[in-house]
Amino acid sequence: MTRDEILTHARAAGMERTHPGMAVEVVAFARTIEAQVREECARINDEKSRRLAQEAEAAIEEGDSDTCSSNRAAAHLLSVCAARIRAPQLEGEG
């Protein structure tokens, strides 16, 4: 989120500027919450990726190559998503 978006949400939540530096504090607080949410999303993708990779291995042992291929592809995409979620964001990107 951008600084302006964070401040808009803060005002919508009833926060009012009481001193000149408060905007800096609100933005810093929002950034910590944003980082925690991003990490939780990445962790969920990692867990699903690992589970699908395990299911792919089980499928290949059962001779189900279609399920194996599908699960491996999905596991890879989830892994990529987790990495993208964790990647530093450019200012202005959400």
C-alpha atoms as a PDB file:
ATOM      1  CA  MET A   1       0.000   0.000   0.000  1.00  0.00           C
ATOM      2  CA  THR A   2       1.100   3.513  -0.612  1.00  0.00           C
ATOM      3  CA  ARG A   3       1.549   6.051   2.174  1.00  0.00           C
ATOM      4  CA  ASP A   4      -1.609   7.874   1.062  1.00  0.00           C
ATOM      5  CA  GLU A   5      -3.653   4.659   1.069  1.00  0.00           C
ATOM      6  CA  ILE A   6      -2.456   3.851   4.570  1.00  0.00           C
ATOM      7  CA  LEU A   7      -3.376   7.315   5.819  1.00  0.00           C
ATOM      8  CA  THR A   8      -6.786   7.109   4.129  1.00  0.00           C
ATOM      9  CA  HIS A   9      -7.474   3.804   5.926  1.00  0.00           C
ATOM     10  CA  ALA A  10      -6.236   5.269   9.207  1.00  0.00           C
ATOM     11  CA  ARG A  11      -8.617   8.217   8.880  1.00  0.00           C
ATOM     12  CA  ALA A  12     -11.470   5.873   7.948  1.00  0.00           C
ATOM     13  CA  ALA A  13     -10.735   3.954  11.162  1.00  0.00           C
ATOM     14  CA  GLY A  14     -11.115   7.147  13.156  1.00  0.00           C
ATOM     15  CA  MET A  15      -7.462   8.033  13.625  1.00  0.00           C
ATOM     16  CA  GLU A  16      -6.754  11.735  13.573  1.00  0.00           C
ATOM     17  CA  ARG A  17      -3.405  13.419  13.382  1.00  0.00           C
ATOM     18  CA  THR A  18      -2.548  14.768  16.800  1.00  0.00           C
ATOM     19  CA  HIS A  19       1.049  15.716  16.078  1.00  0.00           C
ATOM     20  CA  PRO A  20       3.066  16.303  12.893  1.00  0.00           C
ATOM     21  CA  GLY A  21       5.025  13.036  13.088  1.00  0.00           C
ATOM     22  CA  MET A  22       2.016  10.796  13.555  1.00  0.00           C
ATOM     23  CA  ALA A  23       1.747  10.036   9.846  1.00  0.00           C
ATOM     24  CA  VAL A  24       5.193   8.441  10.019  1.00  0.00           C
ATOM     25  CA  GLU A  25       4.114   6.317  12.988  1.00  0.00           C
ATOM     26  CA  VAL A  26       0.853   5.240  11.329  1.00  0.00           C
ATOM     27  CA  VAL A  27       2.672   4.268   8.135  1.00  0.00           C
ATOM     28  CA  ALA A  28       5.306   2.328  10.096  1.00  0.00           C
ATOM     29  CA  PHE A  29       2.574   0.497  12.023  1.00  0.00           C
ATOM     30  CA  ALA A  30       0.702  -0.341   8.824  1.00  0.00           C
ATOM     31  CA  ARG A  31       3.899  -1.621   7.219  1.00  0.00           C
ATOM     32  CA  THR A  32       4.475  -4.057  10.093  1.00  0.00           C
ATOM     33  CA  ILE A  33       0.923  -5.381   9.800  1.00  0.00           C
ATOM     34  CA  GLU A  34       1.263  -5.612   6.012  1.00  0.00           C
ATOM     35  CA  ALA A  35       4.511  -7.588   6.363  1.00  0.00           C
ATOM     36  CA  GLN A  36       2.886 -10.047   8.766  1.00  0.00           C
ATOM     37  CA  VAL A  37      -0.094 -10.567   6.463  1.00  0.00           C
ATOM     38  CA  ARG A  38       2.183 -11.064   3.458  1.00  0.00           C
ATOM     39  CA  GLU A  39       4.285 -13.639   5.324  1.00  0.00           C
ATOM     40  CA  GLU A  40       1.185 -15.541   6.444  1.00  0.00           C
ATOM     41  CA  CYS A  41      -0.059 -15.671   2.839  1.00  0.00           C
ATOM     42  CA  ALA A  42       3.351 -16.890   1.656  1.00  0.00           C
ATOM     43  CA  ARG A  43       3.452 -19.516   4.411  1.00  0.00           C
ATOM     44  CA  ILE A  44       0.036 -20.854   3.364  1.00  0.00           C
ATOM     45  CA  ASN A  45       1.239 -21.135  -0.244  1.00  0.00           C
ATOM     46  CA  ASP A  46       4.395 -22.931   0.922  1.00  0.00           C
ATOM     47  CA  GLU A  47       2.365 -25.430   2.946  1.00  0.00           C
ATOM     48  CA  LYS A  48       0.007 -26.143   0.042  1.00  0.00           C
ATOM     49  CA  SER A  49       2.973 -26.487  -2.300  1.00  0.00           C
ATOM     50  CA  ARG A  50       4.642 -29.053  -0.028  1.00  0.00           C
ATOM     51  CA  ARG A  51       1.402 -31.003   0.354  1.00  0.00           C
ATOM     52  CA  LEU A  52       0.826 -31.120  -3.411  1.00  0.00           C
ATOM     53  CA  ALA A  53       4.424 -32.206  -3.988  1.00  0.00           C
ATOM     54  CA  GLN A  54       3.913 -35.069  -1.533  1.00  0.00           C
ATOM     55  CA  GLU A  55       0.645 -36.008  -3.241  1.00  0.00           C
ATOM     56  CA  ALA A  56       2.466 -35.948  -6.592  1.00  0.00           C
ATOM     57  CA  GLU A  57       5.011 -38.437  -5.278  1.00  0.00           C
ATOM     58  CA  ALA A  58       2.235 -40.690  -3.994  1.00  0.00           C
ATOM     59  CA  ALA A  59       0.451 -40.467  -7.357  1.00  0.00           C
ATOM     60  CA  ILE A  60       3.564 -41.482  -9.294  1.00  0.00           C
ATOM     61  CA  GLU A  61       4.025 -44.477  -6.993  1.00  0.00           C
ATOM     62  CA  GLU A  62       0.438 -45.466  -7.849  1.00  0.00           C
ATOM     63  CA  GLY A  63       1.121 -45.036 -11.557  1.00  0.00           C
ATOM     64  CA  ASP A  64      -1.107 -41.970 -11.914  1.00  0.00           C
ATOM     65  CA  SER A  65       1.101 -39.769 -14.052  1.00  0.00           C
ATOM     66  CA  ASP A  66      -1.674 -37.263 -14.865  1.00  0.00           C
ATOM     67  CA  THR A  67      -2.307 -36.467 -11.193  1.00  0.00           C
ATOM     68  CA  CYS A  68       1.429 -36.389 -10.584  1.00  0.00           C
ATOM     69  CA  SER A  69       1.975 -33.864 -13.375  1.00  0.00           C
ATOM     70  CA  SER A  70      -0.945 -31.690 -12.302  1.00  0.00           C
ATOM     71  CA  ASN A  71       0.133 -31.663  -8.670  1.00  0.00           C
ATOM     72  CA  ARG A  72       3.755 -30.924  -9.527  1.00  0.00           C
ATOM     73  CA  ALA A  73       2.685 -28.000 -11.730  1.00  0.00           C
ATOM     74  CA  ALA A  74       0.378 -26.623  -9.037  1.00  0.00           C
ATOM     75  CA  ALA A  75       3.071 -27.068  -6.370  1.00  0.00           C
ATOM     76  CA  HIS A  76       5.536 -25.133  -8.512  1.00  0.00           C
ATOM     77  CA  LEU A  77       3.070 -22.286  -9.093  1.00  0.00           C
ATOM     78  CA  LEU A  78       2.304 -22.035  -5.380  1.00  0.00           C
ATOM     79  CA  SER A  79       6.016 -21.941  -4.639  1.00  0.00           C
ATOM     80  CA  VAL A  80       6.479 -19.126  -7.165  1.00  0.00           C
ATOM     81  CA  CYS A  81       3.538 -17.259  -5.637  1.00  0.00           C
ATOM     82  CA  ALA A  82       5.074 -17.550  -2.166  1.00  0.00           C
ATOM     83  CA  ALA A  83       8.358 -16.138  -3.458  1.00  0.00           C
ATOM     84  CA  ARG A  84       6.585 -13.261  -5.210  1.00  0.00           C
ATOM     85  CA  ILE A  85       4.599 -12.464  -2.062  1.00  0.00           C
ATOM     86  CA  ARG A  86       7.831 -12.265  -0.069  1.00  0.00           C
ATOM     87  CA  ALA A  87       9.677 -10.204  -2.691  1.00  0.00           C
ATOM     88  CA  PRO A  88      10.182  -6.542  -1.823  1.00  0.00           C
ATOM     89  CA  GLN A  89       7.443  -4.402  -3.306  1.00  0.00           C
ATOM     90  CA  LEU A  90       8.012  -1.257  -5.297  1.00  0.00           C
ATOM     91  CA  GLU A  91       6.386   1.884  -3.905  1.00  0.00           C
ATOM     92  CA  GLY A  92       2.880   2.153  -5.263  1.00  0.00           C
ATOM     93  CA  GLU A  93       2.414  -1.589  -5.812  1.00  0.00           C
ATOM     94  CA  GLY A  94      -0.046  -3.486  -3.661  1.00  0.00           C
END
